[in-house]
Amino acid sequence: MKRTIDYSLYLVTDRRVTDQKGRDFYEAVEEALRAGITLVQLREKDVTTEERIAIGRKIKVLCDRYDVPLLVDDDIACAKAIGAAGVHLGQSDESLARGRQELGDDAIIGISAHNLEEAQAALRGGADYLGVGALYPTATKKDASCLGLGPFREIIAAISLPIVGSGGIGEKEFPEVMKCGAAGCAMISSILGAEDITATVMVMKMAYEALRKGE
């Protein structure tokens, strides 16, 4: 049976961010989980599949400890090897159909979309959610062009899937994105690079709860 996913506070990993802060990567991820992160994506680009699997197994232990699902970016083999809840695939990554074939019907498969056409194709292909962005300038993906909140709202209105905003989202931007009707926000630097990870996550968690209550 497919697991129900809370996309609201979606942490995407990047060891370069914790390295720049002189932080232990695994301790930073666990702190974010303890503070209330609801979903984690393992996104470690500059490693081999074997190294990614080794990292992923450690992160999976942490996610299981807090009962938070783990997805793997762009590596179906790694997701299968570590027993992740699913994968997130970009437009130039492995195909959604192959992900479904390898991981099964219960796997969560997210697709990156940068416009309405890509979003509609992902919906037809059977994606479980969409990651849409970049909504704001981001240092993590310097080559990403900014979509902006207008087109983001149009995609949310047209597509009957959970839509996760990404790109340059922090404490200030989080409520703006969620007010557009987003299911959640995917964040890297604003969490793993925060001066106080716990406080940052909790501020966004409180903002989310206030929005849900209509405050």
Protein backbone atom coordinates (compact mmCIF):
# COMPACT_ATOMS: atom_id res chain seq x y z
CA MET A 1 0.00 0.00 0.00
CA LYS A 2 1.35 3.41 -1.01
CA ARG A 3 2.35 5.56 1.94
CA THR A 4 0.66 8.92 2.52
CA ILE A 5 3.32 11.60 2.24
CA ASP A 6 3.49 14.95 4.01
CA TYR A 7 5.43 17.13 1.58
CA SER A 8 5.27 20.32 3.66
CA LEU A 9 8.84 20.49 5.04
CA TYR A 10 10.93 18.69 2.45
CA LEU A 11 14.68 18.52 3.10
CA VAL A 12 17.01 17.88 0.18
CA THR A 13 20.53 16.87 1.20
CA ASP A 14 23.80 18.35 0.00
CA ARG A 15 26.99 17.57 1.93
CA ARG A 16 28.72 20.59 0.38
CA VAL A 17 26.46 22.87 2.44
CA THR A 18 27.29 21.19 5.75
CA ASP A 19 30.98 21.00 4.80
CA GLN A 20 31.03 24.77 4.20
CA LYS A 21 29.55 25.25 7.67
CA GLY A 22 32.03 22.82 9.26
CA ARG A 23 29.12 20.64 10.34
CA ASP A 24 28.77 16.88 10.53
CA PHE A 25 26.40 15.98 7.68
CA TYR A 26 24.53 13.21 9.50
CA GLU A 27 24.15 15.23 12.69
CA ALA A 28 22.70 18.13 10.69
CA VAL A 29 20.18 15.87 8.94
CA GLU A 30 19.15 14.31 12.25
CA GLU A 31 18.72 17.73 13.84
CA ALA A 32 16.40 18.72 10.99
CA LEU A 33 14.43 15.49 11.39
CA ARG A 34 14.13 16.00 15.13
CA ALA A 35 12.86 19.54 14.56
CA GLY A 36 10.04 18.39 12.29
CA ILE A 37 11.15 17.78 8.70
CA THR A 38 8.47 15.64 7.00
CA LEU A 39 10.32 14.26 3.95
CA VAL A 40 13.96 13.79 2.95
CA GLN A 41 15.51 13.49 -0.50
CA LEU A 42 19.04 12.12 -0.76
CA ARG A 43 20.67 14.33 -3.38
CA GLU A 44 24.40 13.70 -3.51
CA LYS A 45 25.59 14.33 -7.05
CA ASP A 46 29.37 13.97 -7.06
CA VAL A 47 29.62 10.38 -5.84
CA THR A 48 29.44 6.89 -7.33
CA THR A 49 26.32 4.76 -6.95
CA GLU A 50 28.19 2.64 -4.37
CA GLU A 51 29.09 5.73 -2.34
CA ARG A 52 25.53 7.03 -2.64
CA ILE A 53 24.18 3.71 -1.37
CA ALA A 54 26.54 3.84 1.63
CA ILE A 55 25.45 7.41 2.45
CA GLY A 56 21.83 6.52 1.80
CA ARG A 57 21.84 3.61 4.21
CA LYS A 58 23.00 5.90 7.03
CA ILE A 59 20.37 8.52 6.16
CA LYS A 60 17.71 5.79 5.93
CA VAL A 61 18.48 4.75 9.53
CA LEU A 62 17.94 8.35 10.64
CA CYS A 63 14.73 8.74 8.64
CA ASP A 64 13.35 5.47 10.03
CA ARG A 65 14.14 6.66 13.56
CA TYR A 66 11.79 9.64 13.03
CA ASP A 67 9.33 7.79 10.76
CA VAL A 68 10.07 10.12 7.84
CA PRO A 69 10.11 8.79 4.25
CA LEU A 70 13.34 8.92 2.25
CA LEU A 71 13.48 9.51 -1.51
CA VAL A 72 16.59 9.32 -3.70
CA ASP A 73 17.36 11.85 -6.41
CA ASP A 74 17.97 10.44 -9.88
CA ASP A 75 19.22 6.98 -8.83
CA ILE A 76 16.70 4.17 -9.09
CA ALA A 77 19.33 1.51 -8.29
CA CYS A 78 20.28 3.29 -5.07
CA ALA A 79 16.64 3.72 -4.04
CA LYS A 80 16.06 0.00 -4.57
CA ALA A 81 19.24 -1.01 -2.73
CA ILE A 82 18.50 1.00 0.42
CA GLY A 83 14.75 0.39 0.52
CA ALA A 84 13.86 4.06 0.01
CA ALA A 85 10.21 5.10 -0.30
CA GLY A 86 10.87 6.21 -3.87
CA VAL A 87 12.78 8.52 -6.20
CA HIS A 88 12.75 12.03 -7.55
CA LEU A 89 13.57 12.27 -11.26
CA GLY A 90 14.51 15.28 -13.36
CA GLN A 91 13.59 15.83 -16.99
CA SER A 92 16.93 14.42 -18.16
CA ASP A 93 17.14 11.61 -15.59
CA GLU A 94 15.94 8.02 -15.79
CA SER A 95 12.36 7.58 -16.98
CA LEU A 96 9.28 7.54 -14.79
CA ALA A 97 8.18 4.29 -16.44
CA ARG A 98 11.46 2.59 -15.53
CA GLY A 99 11.23 3.89 -11.97
CA ARG A 100 7.75 2.40 -11.64
CA GLN A 101 8.89 -0.89 -13.18
CA GLU A 102 11.93 -1.20 -10.87
CA LEU A 103 10.41 0.12 -7.64
CA GLY A 104 6.78 -1.00 -7.95
CA ASP A 105 3.37 0.60 -7.69
CA ASP A 106 3.80 1.56 -4.02
CA ALA A 107 6.90 3.68 -4.64
CA ILE A 108 6.64 7.46 -4.49
CA ILE A 109 7.92 8.94 -7.75
CA GLY A 110 8.35 12.68 -8.07
CA ILE A 111 9.17 14.53 -11.27
CA SER A 112 10.80 17.93 -11.75
CA ALA A 113 8.75 20.26 -13.94
CA HIS A 114 9.70 23.73 -15.13
CA ASN A 115 6.53 24.57 -17.07
CA LEU A 116 2.93 23.46 -17.56
CA GLU A 117 3.75 21.17 -20.50
CA GLU A 118 6.27 19.18 -18.43
CA ALA A 119 3.82 19.06 -15.53
CA GLN A 120 1.04 17.69 -17.75
CA ALA A 121 3.38 15.03 -19.17
CA ALA A 122 4.36 13.94 -15.63
CA LEU A 123 0.70 13.72 -14.64
CA ARG A 124 -0.08 11.54 -17.68
CA GLY A 125 2.95 9.37 -16.89
CA GLY A 126 1.74 8.55 -13.40
CA ALA A 127 3.91 10.77 -11.19
CA ASP A 128 2.92 11.00 -7.52
CA TYR A 129 4.00 14.62 -7.09
CA LEU A 130 5.83 17.39 -8.91
CA GLY A 131 8.82 19.46 -7.87
CA VAL A 132 8.45 22.87 -9.55
CA GLY A 133 11.02 25.66 -9.64
CA ALA A 134 13.26 27.45 -9.30
CA LEU A 135 10.89 29.95 -7.70
CA TYR A 136 13.64 32.27 -6.40
CA PRO A 137 17.36 32.68 -7.19
CA THR A 138 19.35 29.86 -5.63
CA ALA A 139 23.04 29.34 -4.99
CA THR A 140 22.62 25.54 -5.04
CA LYS A 141 21.56 25.52 -8.70
CA LYS A 142 23.22 28.57 -10.23
CA ASP A 143 22.14 27.63 -13.77
CA ALA A 144 18.45 27.39 -12.84
CA SER A 145 16.22 30.05 -14.34
CA CYS A 146 13.54 31.52 -12.05
CA LEU A 147 10.00 30.45 -12.83
CA GLY A 148 8.34 32.88 -10.40
CA LEU A 149 5.15 32.55 -8.38
CA GLY A 150 2.73 33.48 -11.21
CA PRO A 151 3.48 30.47 -13.43
CA PHE A 152 3.78 28.35 -10.27
CA ARG A 153 0.18 29.19 -9.32
CA GLU A 154 -0.95 28.35 -12.87
CA ILE A 155 0.62 24.89 -12.65
CA ILE A 156 -0.98 24.27 -9.24
CA ALA A 157 -4.39 25.29 -10.63
CA ALA A 158 -4.06 23.02 -13.67
CA ILE A 159 -2.49 19.87 -12.22
CA SER A 160 -4.25 17.52 -9.81
CA LEU A 161 -1.07 16.39 -8.04
CA PRO A 162 0.76 17.60 -4.93
CA ILE A 163 3.10 20.38 -6.08
CA VAL A 164 6.32 21.10 -4.18
CA GLY A 165 8.03 24.44 -4.71
CA SER A 166 11.82 24.61 -4.85
CA GLY A 167 14.66 27.04 -5.39
CA GLY A 168 15.80 29.75 -2.99
CA ILE A 169 13.09 29.11 -0.38
CA GLY A 170 13.80 30.05 3.22
CA GLU A 171 11.85 31.26 6.26
CA LYS A 172 10.62 34.42 4.49
CA GLU A 173 9.63 32.71 1.24
CA PHE A 174 8.08 29.58 2.77
CA PRO A 175 4.69 31.16 3.66
CA GLU A 176 4.52 32.91 0.26
CA VAL A 177 4.95 29.61 -1.57
CA MET A 178 2.53 27.71 0.65
CA LYS A 179 -0.13 30.42 0.14
CA CYS A 180 0.01 29.63 -3.59
CA GLY A 181 -1.48 26.22 -2.80
CA ALA A 182 1.77 24.26 -2.70
CA ALA A 183 1.86 20.93 -0.89
CA GLY A 184 5.29 21.80 0.44
CA CYS A 185 8.70 23.37 -0.12
CA ALA A 186 11.94 21.56 -0.95
CA MET A 187 14.92 23.21 0.73
CA ILE A 188 18.66 22.65 1.03
CA SER A 189 20.79 25.61 2.12
CA SER A 190 18.10 27.38 4.14
CA ILE A 191 17.97 24.36 6.47
CA LEU A 192 21.37 22.64 6.36
CA GLY A 193 23.16 26.00 6.18
CA ALA A 194 21.04 27.74 8.82
CA GLU A 195 22.77 29.16 11.88
CA ASP A 196 20.22 27.27 14.00
CA ILE A 197 18.67 24.33 12.13
CA THR A 198 16.14 23.53 14.84
CA ALA A 199 14.88 27.10 15.16
CA THR A 200 14.63 27.50 11.37
CA VAL A 201 12.60 24.32 10.89
CA MET A 202 10.33 25.17 13.80
CA VAL A 203 9.61 28.67 12.47
CA MET A 204 8.49 27.19 9.15
CA LYS A 205 6.54 24.44 10.89
CA MET A 206 4.64 27.04 12.93
CA ALA A 207 3.99 29.08 9.76
CA TYR A 208 2.56 25.99 8.08
CA GLU A 209 0.31 25.19 11.03
CA ALA A 210 -0.94 28.80 11.07
CA LEU A 211 -1.76 28.64 7.35
CA ARG A 212 -3.62 25.35 7.81
CA LYS A 213 -5.73 26.94 10.53
CA GLY A 214 -6.38 29.98 8.35
CA GLU A 215 -4.58 32.41 10.63
